[in-house]
Structure formats: structure tokens, C-alpha cells
Amino acid sequence: MSAKRMDYVVTTVHRDSSPEEIRAWLIERVAYYLELPAGKIDPELELAEYGMDSVYTMSMIAEIEDHLGVKIDEMAAWKYSTINALVEYAENLISEQVHSAR
């Protein structure tokens, strides 16, 4: 399933953000790290194909944790190597936290 590209800038996200908002935010973060226009980032393309190194990748994982309030497995960026896969993984973590809090 291909993600629809967003035409607006998402400056921040939080655990109540929609998957589309999280995806748009992650696209913007990857674009920022790579100094590329957000429109050039394909959420289905592996981050390694853009040349994301481990430092940028771990920085992005830390941002996901900070903004969404979840703990991301250190290997997540390699297991979930596309933006869409990371969004799905983060959404599952949020869902698990919500259900375990009940």
C-alpha cells in the first residue's frame, strides 16, 4: 500500500497523531537529515538507500521516542527499514501501551 504524500508541514507529532501525520513528520525528519526536499522522500524506499547512516538513524529513533512517548528497540531501524514500516511499528507500540494501561 502506497502512502499518500502530504502537502503540509508537520512540525511535531505526539502519541495521538494519526499514522498519516506521523508519516509526514518522519518524511520531513529524513529530508532534514539528508538535506533533501521532503517531496523527494519515498516512504516505501529503504532508508539505507538514501544513505542514512547510523548516527542519523539513531537520532531519528530518539526523536520518535521523544515525540511519541514509546521506547524503540535499537534494532528497529534495521528491522523496519522504511518510513512506512517505522510508522506501523510505532503505531503498534502505542497501541500496546494503551491496551496494557487498561
PDB file of N, CA and C in Angstrom:
ATOM      1  N   MET A   1       0.842  -1.173   0.000  1.00  0.00           N
ATOM      2  CA  MET A   1       0.000   0.000   0.000  1.00  0.00           C
ATOM      3  C   MET A   1       0.890   1.240   0.000  1.00  0.00           C
ATOM      4  N   SER A   2       0.666   2.098  -0.915  1.00  0.00           N
ATOM      5  CA  SER A   2       1.473   3.312  -1.036  1.00  0.00           C
ATOM      6  C   SER A   2       0.857   4.425  -0.198  1.00  0.00           C
ATOM      7  N   ALA A   3       1.715   5.147   0.500  1.00  0.00           N
ATOM      8  CA  ALA A   3       1.242   6.242   1.343  1.00  0.00           C
ATOM      9  C   ALA A   3       1.004   7.486   0.503  1.00  0.00           C
ATOM     10  N   LYS A   4      -0.057   8.193   0.819  1.00  0.00           N
ATOM     11  CA  LYS A   4      -0.334   9.458   0.156  1.00  0.00           C
ATOM     12  C   LYS A   4       0.611  10.515   0.710  1.00  0.00           C
ATOM     13  N   ARG A   5       1.196  11.274  -0.156  1.00  0.00           N
ATOM     14  CA  ARG A   5       2.102  12.341   0.273  1.00  0.00           C
ATOM     15  C   ARG A   5       1.294  13.497   0.842  1.00  0.00           C
ATOM     16  N   MET A   6       1.837  14.123   1.855  1.00  0.00           N
ATOM     17  CA  MET A   6       1.170  15.253   2.490  1.00  0.00           C
ATOM     18  C   MET A   6       1.671  16.549   1.881  1.00  0.00           C
ATOM     19  N   ASP A   7       0.774  17.514   1.754  1.00  0.00           N
ATOM     20  CA  ASP A   7       1.131  18.806   1.183  1.00  0.00           C
ATOM     21  C   ASP A   7       1.376  19.860   2.256  1.00  0.00           C
ATOM     22  N   TYR A   8       1.346  19.476   3.504  1.00  0.00           N
ATOM     23  CA  TYR A   8       1.548  20.437   4.569  1.00  0.00           C
ATOM     24  C   TYR A   8       2.733  20.026   5.424  1.00  0.00           C
ATOM     25  N   VAL A   9       3.209  20.965   6.202  1.00  0.00           N
ATOM     26  CA  VAL A   9       4.358  20.715   7.059  1.00  0.00           C
ATOM     27  C   VAL A   9       3.860  20.346   8.454  1.00  0.00           C
ATOM     28  N   VAL A  10       4.338  19.229   8.952  1.00  0.00           N
ATOM     29  CA  VAL A  10       4.011  18.791  10.297  1.00  0.00           C
ATOM     30  C   VAL A  10       5.222  19.106  11.164  1.00  0.00           C
ATOM     31  N   THR A  11       5.080  20.047  12.080  1.00  0.00           N
ATOM     32  CA  THR A  11       6.232  20.461  12.870  1.00  0.00           C
ATOM     33  C   THR A  11       6.477  19.552  14.056  1.00  0.00           C
ATOM     34  N   THR A  12       5.449  18.885  14.527  1.00  0.00           N
ATOM     35  CA  THR A  12       5.619  17.965  15.641  1.00  0.00           C
ATOM     36  C   THR A  12       4.517  16.915  15.605  1.00  0.00           C
ATOM     37  N   VAL A  13       4.766  15.834  16.281  1.00  0.00           N
ATOM     38  CA  VAL A  13       3.758  14.784  16.422  1.00  0.00           C
ATOM     39  C   VAL A  13       3.730  14.358  17.875  1.00  0.00           C
ATOM     40  N   HIS A  14       2.701  13.622  18.235  1.00  0.00           N
ATOM     41  CA  HIS A  14       2.559  13.082  19.580  1.00  0.00           C
ATOM     42  C   HIS A  14       1.830  11.763  19.471  1.00  0.00           C
ATOM     43  N   ARG A  15       1.678  11.087  20.553  1.00  0.00           N
ATOM     44  CA  ARG A  15       1.111   9.734  20.525  1.00  0.00           C
ATOM     45  C   ARG A  15      -0.324   9.688  20.001  1.00  0.00           C
ATOM     46  N   ASP A  16      -1.036  10.804  19.996  1.00  0.00           N
ATOM     47  CA  ASP A  16      -2.396  10.835  19.466  1.00  0.00           C
ATOM     48  C   ASP A  16      -2.442  11.234  17.990  1.00  0.00           C
ATOM     49  N   SER A  17      -1.293  11.444  17.387  1.00  0.00           N
ATOM     50  CA  SER A  17      -1.245  11.806  15.966  1.00  0.00           C
ATOM     51  C   SER A  17      -1.674  10.619  15.118  1.00  0.00           C
ATOM     52  N   SER A  18      -2.247  10.922  13.971  1.00  0.00           N
ATOM     53  CA  SER A  18      -2.658   9.856  13.049  1.00  0.00           C
ATOM     54  C   SER A  18      -1.421   9.251  12.382  1.00  0.00           C
ATOM     55  N   PRO A  19      -1.545   8.041  11.854  1.00  0.00           N
ATOM     56  CA  PRO A  19      -0.419   7.457  11.110  1.00  0.00           C
ATOM     57  C   PRO A  19       0.033   8.357   9.960  1.00  0.00           C
ATOM     58  N   GLU A  20      -0.898   9.043   9.319  1.00  0.00           N
ATOM     59  CA  GLU A  20      -0.549   9.932   8.214  1.00  0.00           C
ATOM     60  C   GLU A  20       0.286  11.112   8.704  1.00  0.00           C
ATOM     61  N   GLU A  21      -0.070  11.650   9.872  1.00  0.00           N
ATOM     62  CA  GLU A  21       0.712  12.752  10.446  1.00  0.00           C
ATOM     63  C   GLU A  21       2.103  12.281  10.863  1.00  0.00           C
ATOM     64  N   ILE A  22       2.180  11.103  11.451  1.00  0.00           N
ATOM     65  CA  ILE A  22       3.482  10.555  11.842  1.00  0.00           C
ATOM     66  C   ILE A  22       4.339  10.314  10.608  1.00  0.00           C
ATOM     67  N   ARG A  23       3.731   9.762   9.558  1.00  0.00           N
ATOM     68  CA  ARG A  23       4.451   9.506   8.305  1.00  0.00           C
ATOM     69  C   ARG A  23       4.980  10.816   7.706  1.00  0.00           C
ATOM     70  N   ALA A  24       4.134  11.834   7.653  1.00  0.00           N
ATOM     71  CA  ALA A  24       4.548  13.124   7.096  1.00  0.00           C
ATOM     72  C   ALA A  24       5.684  13.716   7.913  1.00  0.00           C
ATOM     73  N   TRP A  25       5.591  13.595   9.243  1.00  0.00           N
ATOM     74  CA  TRP A  25       6.639  14.113  10.121  1.00  0.00           C
ATOM     75  C   TRP A  25       7.948  13.363   9.895  1.00  0.00           C
ATOM     76  N   LEU A  26       7.877  12.032   9.790  1.00  0.00           N
ATOM     77  CA  LEU A  26       9.094  11.251   9.549  1.00  0.00           C
ATOM     78  C   LEU A  26       9.711  11.572   8.192  1.00  0.00           C
ATOM     79  N   ILE A  27       8.876  11.783   7.189  1.00  0.00           N
ATOM     80  CA  ILE A  27       9.394  12.189   5.877  1.00  0.00           C
ATOM     81  C   ILE A  27      10.158  13.498   6.020  1.00  0.00           C
ATOM     82  N   GLU A  28       9.584  14.445   6.753  1.00  0.00           N
ATOM     83  CA  GLU A  28      10.258  15.731   6.962  1.00  0.00           C
ATOM     84  C   GLU A  28      11.576  15.567   7.716  1.00  0.00           C
ATOM     85  N   ARG A  29      11.596  14.687   8.724  1.00  0.00           N
ATOM     86  CA  ARG A  29      12.821  14.474   9.503  1.00  0.00           C
ATOM     87  C   ARG A  29      13.905  13.852   8.635  1.00  0.00           C
ATOM     88  N   VAL A  30      13.548  12.860   7.828  1.00  0.00           N
ATOM     89  CA  VAL A  30      14.530  12.232   6.930  1.00  0.00           C
ATOM     90  C   VAL A  30      15.038  13.267   5.938  1.00  0.00           C
ATOM     91  N   ALA A  31      14.140  14.057   5.388  1.00  0.00           N
ATOM     92  CA  ALA A  31      14.541  15.108   4.446  1.00  0.00           C
ATOM     93  C   ALA A  31      15.499  16.086   5.116  1.00  0.00           C
ATOM     94  N   TYR A  32      15.216  16.435   6.363  1.00  0.00           N
ATOM     95  CA  TYR A  32      16.091  17.350   7.106  1.00  0.00           C
ATOM     96  C   TYR A  32      17.482  16.751   7.263  1.00  0.00           C
ATOM     97  N   TYR A  33      17.554  15.512   7.719  1.00  0.00           N
ATOM     98  CA  TYR A  33      18.858  14.872   7.936  1.00  0.00           C
ATOM     99  C   TYR A  33      19.652  14.735   6.641  1.00  0.00           C
ATOM    100  N   LEU A  34      18.948  14.474   5.558  1.00  0.00           N
ATOM    101  CA  LEU A  34      19.625  14.252   4.282  1.00  0.00           C
ATOM    102  C   LEU A  34      19.764  15.516   3.438  1.00  0.00           C
ATOM    103  N   GLU A  35      19.195  16.606   3.941  1.00  0.00           N
ATOM    104  CA  GLU A  35      19.211  17.882   3.221  1.00  0.00           C
ATOM    105  C   GLU A  35      18.618  17.734   1.823  1.00  0.00           C
ATOM    106  N   LEU A  36      17.438  17.100   1.786  1.00  0.00           N
ATOM    107  CA  LEU A  36      16.686  16.898   0.552  1.00  0.00           C
ATOM    108  C   LEU A  36      15.298  17.499   0.725  1.00  0.00           C
ATOM    109  N   PRO A  37      14.641  17.863  -0.375  1.00  0.00           N
ATOM    110  CA  PRO A  37      13.241  18.287  -0.263  1.00  0.00           C
ATOM    111  C   PRO A  37      12.381  17.099   0.186  1.00  0.00           C
ATOM    112  N   ALA A  38      11.409  17.351   1.042  1.00  0.00           N
ATOM    113  CA  ALA A  38      10.541  16.278   1.538  1.00  0.00           C
ATOM    114  C   ALA A  38       9.851  15.534   0.397  1.00  0.00           C
ATOM    115  N   GLY A  39       9.557  16.226  -0.686  1.00  0.00           N
ATOM    116  CA  GLY A  39       8.910  15.591  -1.831  1.00  0.00           C
ATOM    117  C   GLY A  39       9.764  14.541  -2.520  1.00  0.00           C
ATOM    118  N   LYS A  40      11.052  14.529  -2.233  1.00  0.00           N
ATOM    119  CA  LYS A  40      11.961  13.539  -2.816  1.00  0.00           C
ATOM    120  C   LYS A  40      12.053  12.262  -1.985  1.00  0.00           C
ATOM    121  N   ILE A  41      11.415  12.243  -0.812  1.00  0.00           N
ATOM    122  CA  ILE A  41      11.491  11.095   0.089  1.00  0.00           C
ATOM    123  C   ILE A  41      10.300  10.179  -0.154  1.00  0.00           C
ATOM    124  N   ASP A  42      10.595   8.934  -0.496  1.00  0.00           N
ATOM    125  CA  ASP A  42       9.573   7.912  -0.724  1.00  0.00           C
ATOM    126  C   ASP A  42       9.467   7.067   0.546  1.00  0.00           C
ATOM    127  N   PRO A  43       8.295   7.027   1.194  1.00  0.00           N
ATOM    128  CA  PRO A  43       8.161   6.283   2.443  1.00  0.00           C
ATOM    129  C   PRO A  43       8.294   4.772   2.284  1.00  0.00           C
ATOM    130  N   GLU A  44       8.310   4.281   1.055  1.00  0.00           N
ATOM    131  CA  GLU A  44       8.480   2.848   0.803  1.00  0.00           C
ATOM    132  C   GLU A  44       9.927   2.472   0.512  1.00  0.00           C
ATOM    133  N   LEU A  45      10.790   3.445   0.308  1.00  0.00           N
ATOM    134  CA  LEU A  45      12.193   3.177  -0.013  1.00  0.00           C
ATOM    135  C   LEU A  45      12.982   2.985   1.272  1.00  0.00           C
ATOM    136  N   GLU A  46      13.859   1.990   1.290  1.00  0.00           N
ATOM    137  CA  GLU A  46      14.669   1.751   2.484  1.00  0.00           C
ATOM    138  C   GLU A  46      15.547   2.963   2.778  1.00  0.00           C
ATOM    139  N   LEU A  47      15.610   3.318   4.053  1.00  0.00           N
ATOM    140  CA  LEU A  47      16.377   4.494   4.474  1.00  0.00           C
ATOM    141  C   LEU A  47      17.847   4.373   4.082  1.00  0.00           C
ATOM    142  N   ALA A  48      18.384   3.172   4.114  1.00  0.00           N
ATOM    143  CA  ALA A  48      19.781   2.958   3.735  1.00  0.00           C
ATOM    144  C   ALA A  48      20.027   3.356   2.282  1.00  0.00           C
ATOM    145  N   GLU A  49      19.015   3.232   1.438  1.00  0.00           N
ATOM    146  CA  GLU A  49      19.166   3.607   0.035  1.00  0.00           C
ATOM    147  C   GLU A  49      19.335   5.112  -0.139  1.00  0.00           C
ATOM    148  N   TYR A  50      18.900   5.873   0.859  1.00  0.00           N
ATOM    149  CA  TYR A  50      19.114   7.320   0.837  1.00  0.00           C
ATOM    150  C   TYR A  50      20.474   7.689   1.406  1.00  0.00           C
ATOM    151  N   GLY A  51      21.151   6.720   1.983  1.00  0.00           N
ATOM    152  CA  GLY A  51      22.441   6.999   2.594  1.00  0.00           C
ATOM    153  C   GLY A  51      22.339   7.403   4.056  1.00  0.00           C
ATOM    154  N   MET A  52      21.220   7.073   4.707  1.00  0.00           N
ATOM    155  CA  MET A  52      21.071   7.369   6.141  1.00  0.00           C
ATOM    156  C   MET A  52      22.094   6.535   6.902  1.00  0.00           C
ATOM    157  N   ASP A  53      23.011   7.205   7.582  1.00  0.00           N
ATOM    158  CA  ASP A  53      23.990   6.456   8.359  1.00  0.00           C
ATOM    159  C   ASP A  53      23.448   6.179   9.753  1.00  0.00           C
ATOM    160  N   SER A  54      24.195   5.426  10.532  1.00  0.00           N
ATOM    161  CA  SER A  54      23.715   5.007  11.850  1.00  0.00           C
ATOM    162  C   SER A  54      23.515   6.186  12.796  1.00  0.00           C
ATOM    163  N   VAL A  55      24.323   7.223  12.678  1.00  0.00           N
ATOM    164  CA  VAL A  55      24.171   8.391  13.558  1.00  0.00           C
ATOM    165  C   VAL A  55      22.842   9.081  13.282  1.00  0.00           C
ATOM    166  N   TYR A  56      22.541   9.347  12.020  1.00  0.00           N
ATOM    167  CA  TYR A  56      21.263   9.974  11.672  1.00  0.00           C
ATOM    168  C   TYR A  56      20.100   9.070  12.061  1.00  0.00           C
ATOM    169  N   THR A  57      20.254   7.783  11.805  1.00  0.00           N
ATOM    170  CA  THR A  57      19.177   6.848  12.093  1.00  0.00           C
ATOM    171  C   THR A  57      18.886   6.802  13.592  1.00  0.00           C
ATOM    172  N   MET A  58      19.915   6.736  14.425  1.00  0.00           N
ATOM    173  CA  MET A  58      19.695   6.699  15.872  1.00  0.00           C
ATOM    174  C   MET A  58      19.135   8.034  16.376  1.00  0.00           C
ATOM    175  N   SER A  59      19.534   9.134  15.757  1.00  0.00           N
ATOM    176  CA  SER A  59      18.953  10.434  16.119  1.00  0.00           C
ATOM    177  C   SER A  59      17.462  10.456  15.805  1.00  0.00           C
ATOM    178  N   MET A  60      17.097   9.908  14.659  1.00  0.00           N
ATOM    179  CA  MET A  60      15.698   9.864  14.271  1.00  0.00           C
ATOM    180  C   MET A  60      14.904   8.956  15.217  1.00  0.00           C
ATOM    181  N   ILE A  61      15.477   7.824  15.608  1.00  0.00           N
ATOM    182  CA  ILE A  61      14.814   6.921  16.557  1.00  0.00           C
ATOM    183  C   ILE A  61      14.590   7.648  17.885  1.00  0.00           C
ATOM    184  N   ALA A  62      15.588   8.401  18.342  1.00  0.00           N
ATOM    185  CA  ALA A  62      15.448   9.167  19.585  1.00  0.00           C
ATOM    186  C   ALA A  62      14.321  10.193  19.467  1.00  0.00           C
ATOM    187  N   GLU A  63      14.202  10.823  18.308  1.00  0.00           N
ATOM    188  CA  GLU A  63      13.110  11.789  18.101  1.00  0.00           C
ATOM    189  C   GLU A  63      11.756  11.095  18.140  1.00  0.00           C
ATOM    190  N   ILE A  64      11.661   9.923  17.534  1.00  0.00           N
ATOM    191  CA  ILE A  64      10.402   9.163  17.566  1.00  0.00           C
ATOM    192  C   ILE A  64      10.035   8.870  19.021  1.00  0.00           C
ATOM    193  N   GLU A  65      11.008   8.399  19.793  1.00  0.00           N
ATOM    194  CA  GLU A  65      10.756   8.091  21.205  1.00  0.00           C
ATOM    195  C   GLU A  65      10.282   9.330  21.956  1.00  0.00           C
ATOM    196  N   ASP A  66      10.973  10.435  21.766  1.00  0.00           N
ATOM    197  CA  ASP A  66      10.631  11.675  22.468  1.00  0.00           C
ATOM    198  C   ASP A  66       9.236  12.179  22.109  1.00  0.00           C
ATOM    199  N   HIS A  67       8.925  12.164  20.839  1.00  0.00           N
ATOM    200  CA  HIS A  67       7.651  12.734  20.391  1.00  0.00           C
ATOM    201  C   HIS A  67       6.460  11.812  20.627  1.00  0.00           C
ATOM    202  N   LEU A  68       6.669  10.499  20.503  1.00  0.00           N
ATOM    203  CA  LEU A  68       5.548   9.573  20.617  1.00  0.00           C
ATOM    204  C   LEU A  68       5.457   8.908  21.983  1.00  0.00           C
ATOM    205  N   GLY A  69       6.475   9.092  22.817  1.00  0.00           N
ATOM    206  CA  GLY A  69       6.432   8.515  24.152  1.00  0.00           C
ATOM    207  C   GLY A  69       6.513   7.009  24.178  1.00  0.00           C
ATOM    208  N   VAL A  70       7.270   6.445  23.243  1.00  0.00           N
ATOM    209  CA  VAL A  70       7.458   4.993  23.191  1.00  0.00           C
ATOM    210  C   VAL A  70       8.946   4.679  23.237  1.00  0.00           C
ATOM    211  N   LYS A  71       9.257   3.469  23.651  1.00  0.00           N
ATOM    212  CA  LYS A  71      10.641   3.004  23.647  1.00  0.00           C
ATOM    213  C   LYS A  71      10.826   2.149  22.396  1.00  0.00           C
ATOM    214  N   ILE A  72      11.743   2.603  21.530  1.00  0.00           N
ATOM    215  CA  ILE A  72      12.007   1.913  20.264  1.00  0.00           C
ATOM    216  C   ILE A  72      13.200   0.981  20.443  1.00  0.00           C
ATOM    217  N   ASP A  73      13.041  -0.246  20.016  1.00  0.00           N
ATOM    218  CA  ASP A  73      14.141  -1.207  20.012  1.00  0.00           C
ATOM    219  C   ASP A  73      15.288  -0.636  19.178  1.00  0.00           C
ATOM    220  N   GLU A  74      16.514  -0.759  19.677  1.00  0.00           N
ATOM    221  CA  GLU A  74      17.664  -0.187  18.974  1.00  0.00           C
ATOM    222  C   GLU A  74      17.840  -0.752  17.564  1.00  0.00           C
ATOM    223  N   MET A  75      17.358  -1.942  17.325  1.00  0.00           N
ATOM    224  CA  MET A  75      17.489  -2.562  16.003  1.00  0.00           C
ATOM    225  C   MET A  75      16.294  -2.251  15.091  1.00  0.00           C
ATOM    226  N   ALA A  76      15.353  -1.465  15.594  1.00  0.00           N
ATOM    227  CA  ALA A  76      14.121  -1.198  14.850  1.00  0.00           C
ATOM    228  C   ALA A  76      14.373  -0.593  13.480  1.00  0.00           C
ATOM    229  N   ALA A  77      15.312   0.326  13.390  1.00  0.00           N
ATOM    230  CA  ALA A  77      15.555   0.994  12.102  1.00  0.00           C
ATOM    231  C   ALA A  77      16.088   0.022  11.064  1.00  0.00           C
ATOM    232  N   TRP A  78      16.680  -1.057  11.516  1.00  0.00           N
ATOM    233  CA  TRP A  78      17.180  -2.047  10.565  1.00  0.00           C
ATOM    234  C   TRP A  78      16.119  -3.102  10.284  1.00  0.00           C
ATOM    235  N   LYS A  79      15.285  -3.401  11.278  1.00  0.00           N
ATOM    236  CA  LYS A  79      14.185  -4.347  11.074  1.00  0.00           C
ATOM    237  C   LYS A  79      13.057  -3.699  10.278  1.00  0.00           C
ATOM    238  N   TYR A  80      12.796  -2.447  10.573  1.00  0.00           N
ATOM    239  CA  TYR A  80      11.722  -1.680   9.934  1.00  0.00           C
ATOM    240  C   TYR A  80      12.401  -0.568   9.144  1.00  0.00           C
ATOM    241  N   SER A  81      12.879  -0.906   7.979  1.00  0.00           N
ATOM    242  CA  SER A  81      13.848  -0.057   7.273  1.00  0.00           C
ATOM    243  C   SER A  81      13.256   0.999   6.351  1.00  0.00           C
ATOM    244  N   THR A  82      11.936   1.110   6.327  1.00  0.00           N
ATOM    245  CA  THR A  82      11.304   2.170   5.539  1.00  0.00           C
ATOM    246  C   THR A  82      10.504   3.063   6.486  1.00  0.00           C
ATOM    247  N   ILE A  83      10.163   4.230   6.029  1.00  0.00           N
ATOM    248  CA  ILE A  83       9.336   5.126   6.844  1.00  0.00           C
ATOM    249  C   ILE A  83       7.991   4.473   7.145  1.00  0.00           C
ATOM    250  N   ASN A  84       7.371   3.869   6.137  1.00  0.00           N
ATOM    251  CA  ASN A  84       6.073   3.229   6.369  1.00  0.00           C
ATOM    252  C   ASN A  84       6.169   2.114   7.396  1.00  0.00           C
ATOM    253  N   ALA A  85       7.236   1.326   7.351  1.00  0.00           N
ATOM    254  CA  ALA A  85       7.412   0.243   8.324  1.00  0.00           C
ATOM    255  C   ALA A  85       7.634   0.807   9.730  1.00  0.00           C
ATOM    256  N   LEU A  86       8.387   1.898   9.843  1.00  0.00           N
ATOM    257  CA  LEU A  86       8.597   2.527  11.149  1.00  0.00           C
ATOM    258  C   LEU A  86       7.297   3.104  11.708  1.00  0.00           C
ATOM    259  N   VAL A  87       6.476   3.677  10.848  1.00  0.00           N
ATOM    260  CA  VAL A  87       5.183   4.218  11.289  1.00  0.00           C
ATOM    261  C   VAL A  87       4.314   3.087  11.839  1.00  0.00           C
ATOM    262  N   GLU A  88       4.248   1.987  11.114  1.00  0.00           N
ATOM    263  CA  GLU A  88       3.443   0.849  11.558  1.00  0.00           C
ATOM    264  C   GLU A  88       3.973   0.303  12.891  1.00  0.00           C
ATOM    265  N   TYR A  89       5.283   0.185  13.010  1.00  0.00           N
ATOM    266  CA  TYR A  89       5.909  -0.292  14.246  1.00  0.00           C
ATOM    267  C   TYR A  89       5.569   0.644  15.409  1.00  0.00           C
ATOM    268  N   ALA A  90       5.712   1.944  15.209  1.00  0.00           N
ATOM    269  CA  ALA A  90       5.408   2.916  16.264  1.00  0.00           C
ATOM    270  C   ALA A  90       3.932   2.858  16.652  1.00  0.00           C
ATOM    271  N   GLU A  91       3.061   2.743  15.670  1.00  0.00           N
ATOM    272  CA  GLU A  91       1.628   2.647  15.950  1.00  0.00           C
ATOM    273  C   GLU A  91       1.326   1.403  16.786  1.00  0.00           C
ATOM    274  N   ASN A  92       1.984   0.284  16.489  1.00  0.00           N
ATOM    275  CA  ASN A  92       1.793  -0.945  17.270  1.00  0.00           C
ATOM    276  C   ASN A  92       2.272  -0.755  18.703  1.00  0.00           C
ATOM    277  N   LEU A  93       3.405  -0.075  18.887  1.00  0.00           N
ATOM    278  CA  LEU A  93       3.909   0.182  20.235  1.00  0.00           C
ATOM    279  C   LEU A  93       2.947   1.049  21.032  1.00  0.00           C
ATOM    280  N   ILE A  94       2.418   2.076  20.395  1.00  0.00           N
ATOM    281  CA  ILE A  94       1.456   2.962  21.065  1.00  0.00           C
ATOM    282  C   ILE A  94       0.213   2.165  21.458  1.00  0.00           C
ATOM    283  N   SER A  95      -0.279   1.349  20.542  1.00  0.00           N
ATOM    284  CA  SER A  95      -1.466   0.535  20.794  1.00  0.00           C
ATOM    285  C   SER A  95      -1.229  -0.433  21.957  1.00  0.00           C
ATOM    286  N   GLU A  96      -0.055  -1.063  21.981  1.00  0.00           N
ATOM    287  CA  GLU A  96       0.274  -1.977  23.074  1.00  0.00           C
ATOM    288  C   GLU A  96       0.296  -1.248  24.410  1.00  0.00           C
ATOM    289  N   GLN A  97       0.855  -0.039  24.435  1.00  0.00           N
ATOM    290  CA  GLN A  97       0.912   0.735  25.675  1.00  0.00           C
ATOM    291  C   GLN A  97      -0.486   1.113  26.148  1.00  0.00           C
ATOM    292  N   VAL A  98      -1.342   1.488  25.212  1.00  0.00           N
ATOM    293  CA  VAL A  98      -2.703   1.875  25.570  1.00  0.00           C
ATOM    294  C   VAL A  98      -3.452   0.679  26.141  1.00  0.00           C
ATOM    295  N   HIS A  99      -3.310  -0.484  25.498  1.00  0.00           N
ATOM    296  CA  HIS A  99      -4.018  -1.670  25.974  1.00  0.00           C
ATOM    297  C   HIS A  99      -3.463  -2.189  27.289  1.00  0.00           C
ATOM    298  N   SER A 100      -2.170  -2.070  27.515  1.00  0.00           N
ATOM    299  CA  SER A 100      -1.603  -2.547  28.776  1.00  0.00           C
ATOM    300  C   SER A 100      -1.908  -1.607  29.939  1.00  0.00           C
ATOM    301  N   ALA A 101      -2.253  -0.371  29.631  1.00  0.00           N
ATOM    302  CA  ALA A 101      -2.588   0.608  30.670  1.00  0.00           C
ATOM    303  C   ALA A 101      -4.021   0.435  31.159  1.00  0.00           C
ATOM    304  N   ARG A 102      -4.801  -0.330  30.435  1.00  0.00           N
ATOM    305  CA  ARG A 102      -6.222  -0.509  30.821  1.00  0.00           C
ATOM    306  C   ARG A 102      -6.398  -1.527  31.903  1.00  0.00           C
TER     307      ARG A 102
END
